[in-house]
Amino acid sequence: MAQRAGSADLPLHNGRVPKWLGDRMTRLGAVMCEAIIHHYGRDELLRRLSHPFWFQSFGAVMGMDWHSSGITTSVIGALKRGLTPLSGELGVHVCGGRGTHSRKTPDELAAIGNRVGIDGLALAKVSRLVAKVDSAAVQDGFDLYLHGFIVTDDGNWVVVQQGMNGDSRQARRYHWLSEGLTSFVDSPHAAIEGRGQGEIINLADKRAMASRRGRSVV
């Protein structure tokens, strides 16, 4: 499931999702997630959301343009609206979102931790680390503007966040999965999806270990 670079083209589109479509995506997304959880379990839902092609297809089935960067924003928003009322039953919680909503993620995770008995402060630290890696360690010309954090009552999680490059009018989506994650700085991504933009600096790649060590010495 892990890949170093993707090939999906995610053009930046202006405008907002109309209310009727947003409501439809909210209902359909909640029903689909509920079915996956009942048949395959919560961890399988996280695995699927961490797969960039599955995530893109999921958004298209929910009704969003298949090739738009807006899939990421609309899917995270729809799941947050649709799954929050079901969180007590399903044990899945959706935090964050676009812009100001992304900055509320640590507080939302702390509140969930207090409510269900998991370490919300540790999850808040994870949220900050993931955002820091994709904004500082991965220097690819994309500025993060969306951070979605989905966590289960067991403390397992998936993070889907997205950055934009205003000059190229492109977006890049970053997927993280807690399952099997052993390091936040040594090839931690489940996937990075987007069109190649030339040479980048990726200090989170395992091949950059010597560079990371050199920087820490400096």
N, C-alpha and C. Protein backbone atom coordinates (compact mmCIF):
# COMPACT_ATOMS: atom_id res chain seq x y z
N MET A 1 0.83 -1.20 0.00
CA MET A 1 0.00 0.00 0.00
C MET A 1 0.86 1.25 0.00
N ALA A 2 2.09 1.16 0.53
CA ALA A 2 2.93 2.34 0.59
C ALA A 2 3.55 2.63 -0.76
N GLN A 3 3.71 3.89 -1.09
CA GLN A 3 4.38 4.27 -2.32
C GLN A 3 5.07 5.61 -2.09
N ARG A 4 6.18 5.78 -2.78
CA ARG A 4 6.96 7.00 -2.57
C ARG A 4 6.35 8.18 -3.33
N ALA A 5 5.80 7.97 -4.51
CA ALA A 5 5.18 9.04 -5.29
C ALA A 5 4.02 8.48 -6.08
N GLY A 6 3.02 9.32 -6.32
CA GLY A 6 1.85 8.87 -7.07
C GLY A 6 1.82 9.49 -8.44
N SER A 7 0.74 9.21 -9.15
CA SER A 7 0.62 9.73 -10.50
C SER A 7 -0.72 10.40 -10.76
N ALA A 8 -1.58 10.48 -9.78
CA ALA A 8 -2.90 11.09 -9.97
C ALA A 8 -2.76 12.61 -10.11
N ASP A 9 -3.49 13.16 -11.04
CA ASP A 9 -3.50 14.61 -11.28
C ASP A 9 -4.65 15.22 -10.48
N LEU A 10 -4.33 16.13 -9.57
CA LEU A 10 -5.35 16.75 -8.71
C LEU A 10 -5.37 18.25 -8.95
N PRO A 11 -6.05 18.72 -10.00
CA PRO A 11 -6.09 20.16 -10.27
C PRO A 11 -6.89 20.90 -9.21
N LEU A 12 -6.45 22.11 -8.90
CA LEU A 12 -7.18 22.94 -7.95
C LEU A 12 -8.40 23.55 -8.65
N HIS A 13 -9.56 23.37 -8.04
CA HIS A 13 -10.79 23.91 -8.60
C HIS A 13 -11.38 24.94 -7.65
N ASN A 14 -11.89 26.03 -8.20
CA ASN A 14 -12.54 27.05 -7.39
C ASN A 14 -14.00 26.66 -7.12
N GLY A 15 -14.61 27.37 -6.18
CA GLY A 15 -16.03 27.15 -5.91
C GLY A 15 -16.26 26.23 -4.72
N ARG A 16 -17.52 26.10 -4.37
CA ARG A 16 -17.93 25.28 -3.23
C ARG A 16 -18.86 24.17 -3.68
N VAL A 17 -18.88 23.12 -2.89
CA VAL A 17 -19.81 22.03 -3.15
C VAL A 17 -21.22 22.52 -2.82
N PRO A 18 -22.18 22.38 -3.73
CA PRO A 18 -23.55 22.81 -3.42
C PRO A 18 -24.14 22.02 -2.26
N LYS A 19 -25.05 22.63 -1.53
CA LYS A 19 -25.60 22.02 -0.33
C LYS A 19 -26.23 20.66 -0.61
N TRP A 20 -26.95 20.54 -1.72
CA TRP A 20 -27.61 19.27 -2.00
C TRP A 20 -26.60 18.15 -2.18
N LEU A 21 -25.44 18.47 -2.81
CA LEU A 21 -24.41 17.46 -3.00
C LEU A 21 -23.70 17.16 -1.68
N GLY A 22 -23.44 18.21 -0.89
CA GLY A 22 -22.82 17.99 0.41
C GLY A 22 -23.67 17.11 1.31
N ASP A 23 -24.98 17.34 1.30
CA ASP A 23 -25.88 16.51 2.11
C ASP A 23 -25.89 15.07 1.60
N ARG A 24 -25.87 14.91 0.30
CA ARG A 24 -25.86 13.56 -0.29
C ARG A 24 -24.58 12.83 0.09
N MET A 25 -23.44 13.52 0.00
CA MET A 25 -22.16 12.91 0.34
C MET A 25 -22.11 12.55 1.81
N THR A 26 -22.70 13.38 2.66
CA THR A 26 -22.73 13.10 4.10
C THR A 26 -23.48 11.81 4.38
N ARG A 27 -24.66 11.67 3.79
CA ARG A 27 -25.48 10.48 4.03
C ARG A 27 -24.83 9.23 3.44
N LEU A 28 -24.39 9.33 2.20
CA LEU A 28 -23.83 8.17 1.52
C LEU A 28 -22.51 7.75 2.14
N GLY A 29 -21.66 8.72 2.49
CA GLY A 29 -20.38 8.39 3.10
C GLY A 29 -20.55 7.68 4.43
N ALA A 30 -21.51 8.14 5.23
CA ALA A 30 -21.76 7.51 6.53
C ALA A 30 -22.25 6.08 6.36
N VAL A 31 -23.16 5.86 5.42
CA VAL A 31 -23.70 4.51 5.19
C VAL A 31 -22.61 3.57 4.69
N MET A 32 -21.77 4.04 3.78
CA MET A 32 -20.69 3.20 3.25
C MET A 32 -19.67 2.85 4.33
N CYS A 33 -19.31 3.82 5.15
CA CYS A 33 -18.36 3.55 6.24
C CYS A 33 -18.96 2.59 7.25
N GLU A 34 -20.24 2.77 7.54
CA GLU A 34 -20.92 1.88 8.48
C GLU A 34 -20.90 0.45 7.97
N ALA A 35 -21.14 0.26 6.67
CA ALA A 35 -21.14 -1.08 6.08
C ALA A 35 -19.74 -1.70 6.14
N ILE A 36 -18.71 -0.91 5.83
CA ILE A 36 -17.34 -1.42 5.88
C ILE A 36 -16.98 -1.85 7.30
N ILE A 37 -17.34 -1.03 8.28
CA ILE A 37 -17.02 -1.35 9.67
C ILE A 37 -17.73 -2.62 10.11
N HIS A 38 -19.01 -2.74 9.78
CA HIS A 38 -19.77 -3.92 10.21
C HIS A 38 -19.26 -5.19 9.55
N HIS A 39 -18.83 -5.11 8.30
CA HIS A 39 -18.40 -6.31 7.58
C HIS A 39 -16.91 -6.63 7.76
N TYR A 40 -16.08 -5.58 7.89
CA TYR A 40 -14.63 -5.81 7.88
C TYR A 40 -13.91 -5.23 9.10
N GLY A 41 -14.57 -4.38 9.87
CA GLY A 41 -13.95 -3.82 11.05
C GLY A 41 -13.43 -2.40 10.85
N ARG A 42 -13.21 -1.72 11.96
CA ARG A 42 -12.76 -0.32 11.92
C ARG A 42 -11.38 -0.17 11.32
N ASP A 43 -10.48 -1.11 11.65
CA ASP A 43 -9.11 -0.99 11.13
C ASP A 43 -9.08 -1.09 9.61
N GLU A 44 -9.98 -1.88 9.04
CA GLU A 44 -10.02 -1.99 7.58
C GLU A 44 -10.48 -0.68 6.95
N LEU A 45 -11.39 0.01 7.61
CA LEU A 45 -11.80 1.33 7.10
C LEU A 45 -10.60 2.27 7.07
N LEU A 46 -9.79 2.26 8.12
CA LEU A 46 -8.61 3.11 8.16
C LEU A 46 -7.65 2.75 7.03
N ARG A 47 -7.43 1.44 6.83
CA ARG A 47 -6.52 1.01 5.77
C ARG A 47 -6.99 1.51 4.41
N ARG A 48 -8.28 1.43 4.17
CA ARG A 48 -8.80 1.85 2.87
C ARG A 48 -8.67 3.36 2.68
N LEU A 49 -8.94 4.11 3.73
CA LEU A 49 -8.81 5.57 3.63
C LEU A 49 -7.36 5.99 3.43
N SER A 50 -6.42 5.15 3.85
CA SER A 50 -5.00 5.48 3.69
C SER A 50 -4.50 5.17 2.28
N HIS A 51 -5.30 4.50 1.48
CA HIS A 51 -4.91 4.16 0.11
C HIS A 51 -5.38 5.27 -0.82
N PRO A 52 -4.47 5.95 -1.51
CA PRO A 52 -4.87 7.14 -2.30
C PRO A 52 -5.86 6.85 -3.41
N PHE A 53 -5.71 5.72 -4.10
CA PHE A 53 -6.62 5.42 -5.19
C PHE A 53 -8.00 5.04 -4.66
N TRP A 54 -8.03 4.30 -3.55
CA TRP A 54 -9.32 3.96 -2.95
C TRP A 54 -10.02 5.22 -2.46
N PHE A 55 -9.27 6.11 -1.82
CA PHE A 55 -9.84 7.37 -1.32
C PHE A 55 -10.43 8.18 -2.47
N GLN A 56 -9.70 8.27 -3.58
CA GLN A 56 -10.18 9.03 -4.73
C GLN A 56 -11.46 8.40 -5.29
N SER A 57 -11.47 7.07 -5.37
CA SER A 57 -12.65 6.37 -5.87
C SER A 57 -13.83 6.53 -4.93
N PHE A 58 -13.55 6.50 -3.64
CA PHE A 58 -14.57 6.67 -2.61
C PHE A 58 -15.27 8.01 -2.79
N GLY A 59 -14.48 9.06 -2.98
CA GLY A 59 -15.06 10.38 -3.18
C GLY A 59 -15.88 10.48 -4.45
N ALA A 60 -15.43 9.79 -5.51
CA ALA A 60 -16.18 9.80 -6.76
C ALA A 60 -17.51 9.09 -6.61
N VAL A 61 -17.51 7.96 -5.90
CA VAL A 61 -18.76 7.23 -5.67
C VAL A 61 -19.72 8.08 -4.83
N MET A 62 -19.18 8.87 -3.91
CA MET A 62 -20.02 9.74 -3.10
C MET A 62 -20.62 10.89 -3.91
N GLY A 63 -20.05 11.15 -5.10
CA GLY A 63 -20.65 12.15 -5.97
C GLY A 63 -19.76 13.30 -6.38
N MET A 64 -18.49 13.31 -5.93
CA MET A 64 -17.59 14.41 -6.24
C MET A 64 -16.87 14.16 -7.56
N ASP A 65 -16.40 15.23 -8.22
CA ASP A 65 -15.62 15.09 -9.45
C ASP A 65 -14.42 14.19 -9.18
N TRP A 66 -14.22 13.20 -10.02
CA TRP A 66 -13.20 12.19 -9.75
C TRP A 66 -11.78 12.74 -9.80
N HIS A 67 -11.54 13.82 -10.57
CA HIS A 67 -10.18 14.29 -10.79
C HIS A 67 -9.89 15.60 -10.05
N SER A 68 -10.74 15.99 -9.13
CA SER A 68 -10.59 17.29 -8.48
C SER A 68 -9.92 17.18 -7.12
N SER A 69 -9.12 18.19 -6.79
CA SER A 69 -8.54 18.26 -5.44
C SER A 69 -9.62 18.42 -4.39
N GLY A 70 -10.80 18.90 -4.82
CA GLY A 70 -11.91 19.08 -3.89
C GLY A 70 -12.43 17.80 -3.30
N ILE A 71 -12.06 16.66 -3.89
CA ILE A 71 -12.46 15.37 -3.31
C ILE A 71 -11.98 15.27 -1.87
N THR A 72 -10.74 15.66 -1.62
CA THR A 72 -10.18 15.52 -0.27
C THR A 72 -10.96 16.35 0.73
N THR A 73 -11.19 17.61 0.42
CA THR A 73 -11.93 18.49 1.32
C THR A 73 -13.35 18.01 1.54
N SER A 74 -14.02 17.66 0.45
CA SER A 74 -15.44 17.28 0.57
C SER A 74 -15.62 15.95 1.28
N VAL A 75 -14.72 14.99 1.06
CA VAL A 75 -14.85 13.69 1.72
C VAL A 75 -14.61 13.83 3.22
N ILE A 76 -13.54 14.53 3.60
CA ILE A 76 -13.26 14.70 5.03
C ILE A 76 -14.41 15.44 5.70
N GLY A 77 -14.91 16.49 5.07
CA GLY A 77 -16.04 17.23 5.64
C GLY A 77 -17.29 16.39 5.76
N ALA A 78 -17.59 15.61 4.71
CA ALA A 78 -18.79 14.77 4.73
C ALA A 78 -18.68 13.69 5.79
N LEU A 79 -17.51 13.08 5.93
CA LEU A 79 -17.34 12.04 6.95
C LEU A 79 -17.45 12.62 8.35
N LYS A 80 -16.94 13.83 8.53
CA LYS A 80 -17.03 14.45 9.85
C LYS A 80 -18.49 14.72 10.21
N ARG A 81 -19.26 15.22 9.26
CA ARG A 81 -20.68 15.47 9.52
C ARG A 81 -21.47 14.18 9.68
N GLY A 82 -21.14 13.18 8.86
CA GLY A 82 -21.94 11.96 8.86
C GLY A 82 -21.59 10.98 9.96
N LEU A 83 -20.32 10.90 10.35
CA LEU A 83 -19.90 9.90 11.33
C LEU A 83 -19.93 10.41 12.76
N THR A 84 -19.86 11.72 12.95
CA THR A 84 -19.88 12.25 14.32
C THR A 84 -21.12 11.82 15.10
N PRO A 85 -22.34 11.88 14.52
CA PRO A 85 -23.51 11.40 15.28
C PRO A 85 -23.49 9.90 15.54
N LEU A 86 -22.67 9.15 14.78
CA LEU A 86 -22.59 7.69 14.93
C LEU A 86 -21.35 7.24 15.69
N SER A 87 -20.56 8.19 16.18
CA SER A 87 -19.27 7.83 16.78
C SER A 87 -19.41 6.94 18.00
N GLY A 88 -20.47 7.14 18.78
CA GLY A 88 -20.67 6.29 19.94
C GLY A 88 -20.95 4.85 19.57
N GLU A 89 -21.65 4.65 18.46
CA GLU A 89 -21.98 3.30 17.99
C GLU A 89 -20.84 2.65 17.23
N LEU A 90 -20.18 3.42 16.35
CA LEU A 90 -19.16 2.86 15.47
C LEU A 90 -17.76 2.92 16.07
N GLY A 91 -17.53 3.82 17.01
CA GLY A 91 -16.20 3.96 17.59
C GLY A 91 -15.20 4.59 16.65
N VAL A 92 -15.67 5.45 15.75
CA VAL A 92 -14.81 6.16 14.81
C VAL A 92 -15.08 7.65 14.93
N HIS A 93 -14.01 8.44 15.00
CA HIS A 93 -14.14 9.88 15.22
C HIS A 93 -13.33 10.63 14.16
N VAL A 94 -13.94 11.65 13.57
CA VAL A 94 -13.29 12.43 12.52
C VAL A 94 -13.01 13.83 13.05
N CYS A 95 -11.75 14.24 12.96
CA CYS A 95 -11.33 15.55 13.46
C CYS A 95 -10.68 16.35 12.34
N GLY A 96 -10.56 17.65 12.58
CA GLY A 96 -9.86 18.51 11.64
C GLY A 96 -10.70 18.92 10.46
N GLY A 97 -10.02 19.25 9.38
CA GLY A 97 -10.68 19.74 8.18
C GLY A 97 -9.81 20.76 7.49
N ARG A 98 -10.45 21.68 6.82
CA ARG A 98 -9.73 22.68 6.04
C ARG A 98 -9.55 23.98 6.83
N GLY A 99 -8.41 24.63 6.63
CA GLY A 99 -8.19 25.96 7.21
C GLY A 99 -8.25 25.97 8.72
N THR A 100 -9.13 26.81 9.26
CA THR A 100 -9.23 26.95 10.72
C THR A 100 -9.64 25.64 11.39
N HIS A 101 -10.39 24.80 10.69
CA HIS A 101 -10.79 23.52 11.28
C HIS A 101 -9.58 22.63 11.53
N SER A 102 -8.57 22.73 10.69
CA SER A 102 -7.38 21.90 10.87
C SER A 102 -6.66 22.25 12.16
N ARG A 103 -6.68 23.53 12.53
CA ARG A 103 -5.97 23.97 13.73
C ARG A 103 -6.69 23.58 15.01
N LYS A 104 -7.93 23.15 14.89
CA LYS A 104 -8.68 22.69 16.06
C LYS A 104 -8.48 21.21 16.34
N THR A 105 -7.74 20.52 15.47
CA THR A 105 -7.58 19.08 15.59
C THR A 105 -7.03 18.65 16.95
N PRO A 106 -5.94 19.25 17.47
CA PRO A 106 -5.43 18.80 18.77
C PRO A 106 -6.47 18.90 19.89
N ASP A 107 -7.23 19.97 19.92
CA ASP A 107 -8.26 20.12 20.96
C ASP A 107 -9.36 19.08 20.79
N GLU A 108 -9.73 18.80 19.54
CA GLU A 108 -10.75 17.78 19.29
C GLU A 108 -10.27 16.41 19.73
N LEU A 109 -9.01 16.10 19.47
CA LEU A 109 -8.46 14.80 19.87
C LEU A 109 -8.38 14.68 21.38
N ALA A 110 -8.00 15.75 22.06
CA ALA A 110 -7.95 15.72 23.52
C ALA A 110 -9.33 15.47 24.10
N ALA A 111 -10.35 16.10 23.52
CA ALA A 111 -11.72 15.91 24.00
C ALA A 111 -12.20 14.48 23.76
N ILE A 112 -11.86 13.91 22.61
CA ILE A 112 -12.23 12.52 22.32
C ILE A 112 -11.53 11.58 23.28
N GLY A 113 -10.27 11.86 23.56
CA GLY A 113 -9.53 11.02 24.51
C GLY A 113 -10.18 11.00 25.87
N ASN A 114 -10.61 12.15 26.35
CA ASN A 114 -11.28 12.22 27.65
C ASN A 114 -12.61 11.48 27.63
N ARG A 115 -13.26 11.49 26.49
CA ARG A 115 -14.58 10.88 26.39
C ARG A 115 -14.54 9.36 26.29
N VAL A 116 -13.57 8.82 25.54
CA VAL A 116 -13.56 7.37 25.29
C VAL A 116 -12.44 6.65 26.02
N GLY A 117 -11.54 7.39 26.68
CA GLY A 117 -10.52 6.74 27.49
C GLY A 117 -9.24 6.38 26.76
N ILE A 118 -8.89 7.12 25.70
CA ILE A 118 -7.60 6.94 25.05
C ILE A 118 -6.75 8.18 25.30
N ASP A 119 -5.47 8.10 24.96
CA ASP A 119 -4.55 9.20 25.25
C ASP A 119 -4.69 10.30 24.19
N GLY A 120 -5.60 11.21 24.43
CA GLY A 120 -5.85 12.28 23.47
C GLY A 120 -4.69 13.23 23.32
N LEU A 121 -3.93 13.45 24.39
CA LEU A 121 -2.78 14.36 24.30
C LEU A 121 -1.69 13.77 23.42
N ALA A 122 -1.50 12.44 23.51
CA ALA A 122 -0.53 11.78 22.63
C ALA A 122 -0.97 11.86 21.18
N LEU A 123 -2.27 11.71 20.94
CA LEU A 123 -2.79 11.83 19.58
C LEU A 123 -2.64 13.25 19.06
N ALA A 124 -2.82 14.23 19.93
CA ALA A 124 -2.62 15.63 19.53
C ALA A 124 -1.17 15.86 19.11
N LYS A 125 -0.24 15.22 19.83
CA LYS A 125 1.18 15.33 19.46
C LYS A 125 1.42 14.69 18.10
N VAL A 126 0.77 13.55 17.86
CA VAL A 126 0.88 12.89 16.55
C VAL A 126 0.39 13.82 15.45
N SER A 127 -0.73 14.47 15.69
CA SER A 127 -1.29 15.40 14.71
C SER A 127 -0.30 16.49 14.34
N ARG A 128 0.34 17.06 15.35
CA ARG A 128 1.30 18.13 15.10
C ARG A 128 2.54 17.61 14.37
N LEU A 129 3.01 16.41 14.76
CA LEU A 129 4.19 15.83 14.12
C LEU A 129 3.95 15.54 12.64
N VAL A 130 2.79 14.96 12.35
CA VAL A 130 2.46 14.63 10.97
C VAL A 130 2.41 15.90 10.12
N ALA A 131 1.78 16.93 10.65
CA ALA A 131 1.71 18.20 9.91
C ALA A 131 3.10 18.80 9.72
N LYS A 132 3.94 18.69 10.74
CA LYS A 132 5.28 19.25 10.66
C LYS A 132 6.13 18.53 9.61
N VAL A 133 6.03 17.20 9.57
CA VAL A 133 6.81 16.44 8.59
C VAL A 133 6.44 16.84 7.17
N ASP A 134 5.14 16.92 6.89
CA ASP A 134 4.72 17.21 5.52
C ASP A 134 4.86 18.68 5.14
N SER A 135 5.08 19.55 6.12
CA SER A 135 5.29 20.97 5.80
C SER A 135 6.76 21.36 5.84
N ALA A 136 7.58 20.64 6.61
CA ALA A 136 8.98 21.02 6.77
C ALA A 136 9.95 19.98 6.22
N ALA A 137 9.74 18.71 6.55
CA ALA A 137 10.66 17.66 6.10
C ALA A 137 10.47 17.34 4.62
N VAL A 138 9.22 17.43 4.15
CA VAL A 138 8.95 17.22 2.72
C VAL A 138 8.81 18.60 2.07
N GLN A 139 9.87 19.05 1.44
CA GLN A 139 9.90 20.38 0.82
C GLN A 139 9.65 20.22 -0.68
N ASP A 140 8.36 20.19 -1.03
CA ASP A 140 7.98 19.90 -2.41
C ASP A 140 7.22 21.04 -3.08
N GLY A 141 7.13 22.19 -2.41
CA GLY A 141 6.45 23.33 -3.01
C GLY A 141 4.96 23.38 -2.76
N PHE A 142 4.46 22.47 -1.91
CA PHE A 142 3.03 22.44 -1.60
C PHE A 142 2.80 22.88 -0.16
N ASP A 143 1.92 23.86 0.03
CA ASP A 143 1.60 24.38 1.35
C ASP A 143 0.34 23.70 1.88
N LEU A 144 0.45 23.12 3.08
CA LEU A 144 -0.69 22.40 3.65
C LEU A 144 -1.84 23.36 3.95
N TYR A 145 -3.04 22.93 3.61
CA TYR A 145 -4.23 23.71 3.96
C TYR A 145 -5.36 22.84 4.49
N LEU A 146 -5.16 21.53 4.50
CA LEU A 146 -6.18 20.61 5.02
C LEU A 146 -5.52 19.51 5.82
N HIS A 147 -6.10 19.20 6.97
CA HIS A 147 -5.58 18.15 7.85
C HIS A 147 -6.77 17.40 8.44
N GLY A 148 -6.96 16.17 8.00
CA GLY A 148 -8.04 15.34 8.53
C GLY A 148 -7.47 14.19 9.34
N PHE A 149 -7.96 14.02 10.55
CA PHE A 149 -7.45 12.99 11.47
C PHE A 149 -8.63 12.12 11.89
N ILE A 150 -8.59 10.83 11.53
CA ILE A 150 -9.66 9.89 11.85
C ILE A 150 -9.10 8.86 12.82
N VAL A 151 -9.72 8.72 13.98
CA VAL A 151 -9.21 7.85 15.04
C VAL A 151 -10.32 6.96 15.55
N THR A 152 -9.95 5.74 15.96
CA THR A 152 -10.93 4.80 16.51
C THR A 152 -10.84 4.77 18.03
N ASP A 153 -11.81 4.12 18.64
CA ASP A 153 -11.80 3.98 20.10
C ASP A 153 -10.59 3.20 20.58
N ASP A 154 -9.95 2.43 19.70
CA ASP A 154 -8.75 1.67 20.06
C ASP A 154 -7.48 2.51 19.98
N GLY A 155 -7.60 3.73 19.50
CA GLY A 155 -6.44 4.59 19.37
C GLY A 155 -5.72 4.47 18.04
N ASN A 156 -6.23 3.65 17.12
CA ASN A 156 -5.63 3.57 15.78
C ASN A 156 -6.13 4.74 14.94
N TRP A 157 -5.34 5.16 13.96
CA TRP A 157 -5.69 6.37 13.25
C TRP A 157 -5.19 6.37 11.81
N VAL A 158 -5.79 7.24 11.03
CA VAL A 158 -5.32 7.56 9.69
C VAL A 158 -5.38 9.08 9.55
N VAL A 159 -4.38 9.63 8.91
CA VAL A 159 -4.35 11.07 8.63
C VAL A 159 -4.33 11.27 7.12
N VAL A 160 -5.20 12.14 6.65
CA VAL A 160 -5.22 12.54 5.24
C VAL A 160 -5.10 14.06 5.22
N GLN A 161 -4.01 14.55 4.62
CA GLN A 161 -3.85 16.00 4.55
C GLN A 161 -3.42 16.38 3.13
N GLN A 162 -3.62 17.63 2.81
CA GLN A 162 -3.39 18.06 1.42
C GLN A 162 -2.74 19.43 1.38
N GLY A 163 -1.84 19.58 0.42
CA GLY A 163 -1.19 20.86 0.19
C GLY A 163 -1.47 21.36 -1.21
N MET A 164 -1.30 22.65 -1.42
CA MET A 164 -1.53 23.24 -2.74
C MET A 164 -0.31 23.99 -3.22
N ASN A 165 -0.14 23.99 -4.53
CA ASN A 165 0.88 24.79 -5.19
C ASN A 165 0.15 25.78 -6.08
N GLY A 166 0.10 27.03 -5.65
CA GLY A 166 -0.66 28.04 -6.36
C GLY A 166 -0.12 28.33 -7.75
N ASP A 167 1.20 28.22 -7.93
CA ASP A 167 1.79 28.53 -9.23
C ASP A 167 1.38 27.50 -10.29
N SER A 168 1.40 26.23 -9.91
CA SER A 168 1.06 25.18 -10.87
C SER A 168 -0.42 24.82 -10.85
N ARG A 169 -1.16 25.38 -9.89
CA ARG A 169 -2.58 25.07 -9.74
C ARG A 169 -2.79 23.57 -9.54
N GLN A 170 -1.93 22.97 -8.72
CA GLN A 170 -2.02 21.55 -8.44
C GLN A 170 -2.10 21.32 -6.94
N ALA A 171 -2.55 20.13 -6.57
CA ALA A 171 -2.63 19.75 -5.16
C ALA A 171 -1.91 18.42 -4.96
N ARG A 172 -1.46 18.18 -3.75
CA ARG A 172 -0.81 16.91 -3.40
C ARG A 172 -1.40 16.43 -2.08
N ARG A 173 -1.76 15.16 -2.07
CA ARG A 173 -2.39 14.59 -0.88
C ARG A 173 -1.43 13.62 -0.21
N TYR A 174 -1.39 13.68 1.12
CA TYR A 174 -0.49 12.86 1.93
C TYR A 174 -1.32 11.95 2.83
N HIS A 175 -0.99 10.65 2.83
CA HIS A 175 -1.72 9.68 3.63
C HIS A 175 -0.80 9.06 4.68
N TRP A 176 -1.27 9.00 5.91
CA TRP A 176 -0.55 8.36 7.01
C TRP A 176 -1.45 7.32 7.66
N LEU A 177 -0.85 6.21 8.11
CA LEU A 177 -1.59 5.15 8.80
C LEU A 177 -0.80 4.70 10.01
N SER A 178 -1.46 4.62 11.16
CA SER A 178 -0.76 4.24 12.39
C SER A 178 -0.28 2.80 12.35
N GLU A 179 -1.01 1.94 11.67
CA GLU A 179 -0.65 0.52 11.59
C GLU A 179 0.70 0.34 10.90
N GLY A 180 1.63 -0.26 11.61
CA GLY A 180 2.95 -0.51 11.04
C GLY A 180 3.89 0.68 11.07
N LEU A 181 3.45 1.81 11.61
CA LEU A 181 4.29 3.01 11.65
C LEU A 181 5.32 2.87 12.77
N THR A 182 6.59 2.94 12.42
CA THR A 182 7.66 2.81 13.42
C THR A 182 8.46 4.09 13.59
N SER A 183 8.33 5.02 12.64
CA SER A 183 9.08 6.27 12.72
C SER A 183 8.32 7.36 11.99
N PHE A 184 8.40 8.57 12.53
CA PHE A 184 7.76 9.71 11.88
C PHE A 184 8.68 10.38 10.86
N VAL A 185 9.94 9.98 10.82
CA VAL A 185 10.89 10.65 9.94
C VAL A 185 11.59 9.71 8.97
N ASP A 186 11.30 8.41 9.03
CA ASP A 186 11.96 7.44 8.16
C ASP A 186 10.91 6.73 7.32
N SER A 187 10.59 7.28 6.15
CA SER A 187 9.58 6.74 5.23
C SER A 187 8.27 6.42 5.94
N PRO A 188 7.65 7.41 6.57
CA PRO A 188 6.46 7.15 7.38
C PRO A 188 5.15 7.09 6.60
N HIS A 189 5.11 7.63 5.38
CA HIS A 189 3.84 7.78 4.67
C HIS A 189 3.28 6.45 4.18
N ALA A 190 1.96 6.31 4.28
CA ALA A 190 1.30 5.22 3.58
C ALA A 190 1.30 5.52 2.10
N ALA A 191 1.18 6.80 1.73
CA ALA A 191 1.23 7.20 0.33
C ALA A 191 1.31 8.71 0.23
N ILE A 192 1.89 9.18 -0.87
CA ILE A 192 1.84 10.59 -1.26
C ILE A 192 1.33 10.61 -2.69
N GLU A 193 0.28 11.35 -2.92
CA GLU A 193 -0.39 11.29 -4.23
C GLU A 193 -0.40 12.65 -4.90
N GLY A 194 0.06 12.71 -6.12
CA GLY A 194 0.05 13.95 -6.87
C GLY A 194 0.95 13.87 -8.08
N ARG A 195 0.86 14.86 -8.95
CA ARG A 195 1.69 14.88 -10.16
C ARG A 195 3.08 15.37 -9.82
N GLY A 196 4.10 14.77 -10.46
CA GLY A 196 5.47 15.16 -10.23
C GLY A 196 5.69 16.64 -10.55
N GLN A 197 6.44 17.33 -9.68
CA GLN A 197 6.68 18.77 -9.85
C GLN A 197 8.17 19.06 -9.99
N GLY A 198 8.95 18.06 -10.42
CA GLY A 198 10.38 18.26 -10.53
C GLY A 198 11.10 17.78 -9.27
N GLU A 199 12.30 18.27 -9.06
CA GLU A 199 13.11 17.85 -7.93
C GLU A 199 12.56 18.44 -6.62
N ILE A 200 12.54 17.61 -5.58
CA ILE A 200 12.09 18.04 -4.27
C ILE A 200 13.09 17.59 -3.22
N ILE A 201 12.94 18.11 -2.00
CA ILE A 201 13.72 17.65 -0.86
C ILE A 201 12.78 16.88 0.05
N ASN A 202 13.05 15.59 0.25
CA ASN A 202 12.22 14.76 1.12
C ASN A 202 13.10 14.18 2.21
N LEU A 203 13.21 14.88 3.32
CA LEU A 203 14.04 14.42 4.43
C LEU A 203 13.38 13.29 5.20
N ALA A 204 12.13 12.95 4.85
CA ALA A 204 11.46 11.83 5.50
C ALA A 204 11.69 10.52 4.76
N ASP A 205 12.40 10.57 3.64
CA ASP A 205 12.72 9.35 2.91
C ASP A 205 13.84 8.61 3.64
N LYS A 206 13.76 7.28 3.64
CA LYS A 206 14.78 6.50 4.35
C LYS A 206 16.17 6.72 3.78
N ARG A 207 16.25 7.11 2.51
CA ARG A 207 17.55 7.36 1.89
C ARG A 207 18.17 8.67 2.36
N ALA A 208 17.41 9.47 3.12
CA ALA A 208 17.92 10.76 3.60
C ALA A 208 18.44 10.67 5.04
N MET A 209 18.67 9.46 5.53
CA MET A 209 19.11 9.30 6.92
C MET A 209 20.40 10.06 7.20
N ALA A 210 21.36 9.97 6.30
CA ALA A 210 22.64 10.66 6.51
C ALA A 210 22.43 12.17 6.58
N SER A 211 21.56 12.68 5.75
CA SER A 211 21.29 14.12 5.76
C SER A 211 20.62 14.54 7.07
N ARG A 212 19.68 13.72 7.55
CA ARG A 212 19.02 14.04 8.82
C ARG A 212 20.02 14.05 9.96
N ARG A 213 20.91 13.08 9.97
CA ARG A 213 21.92 13.02 11.03
C ARG A 213 22.84 14.23 10.96
N GLY A 214 23.23 14.61 9.75
CA GLY A 214 24.10 15.77 9.60
C GLY A 214 23.45 17.04 10.08
N ARG A 215 22.17 17.20 9.79
CA ARG A 215 21.45 18.40 10.23
C ARG A 215 21.32 18.43 11.75
N SER A 216 21.12 17.25 12.37
CA SER A 216 20.98 17.22 13.82
C SER A 216 22.29 17.59 14.50
N VAL A 217 23.42 17.20 13.88
CA VAL A 217 24.72 17.56 14.44
C VAL A 217 24.92 19.07 14.35
N VAL A 218 24.56 19.65 13.19
CA VAL A 218 24.70 21.10 13.01
C VAL A 218 23.82 21.84 13.99
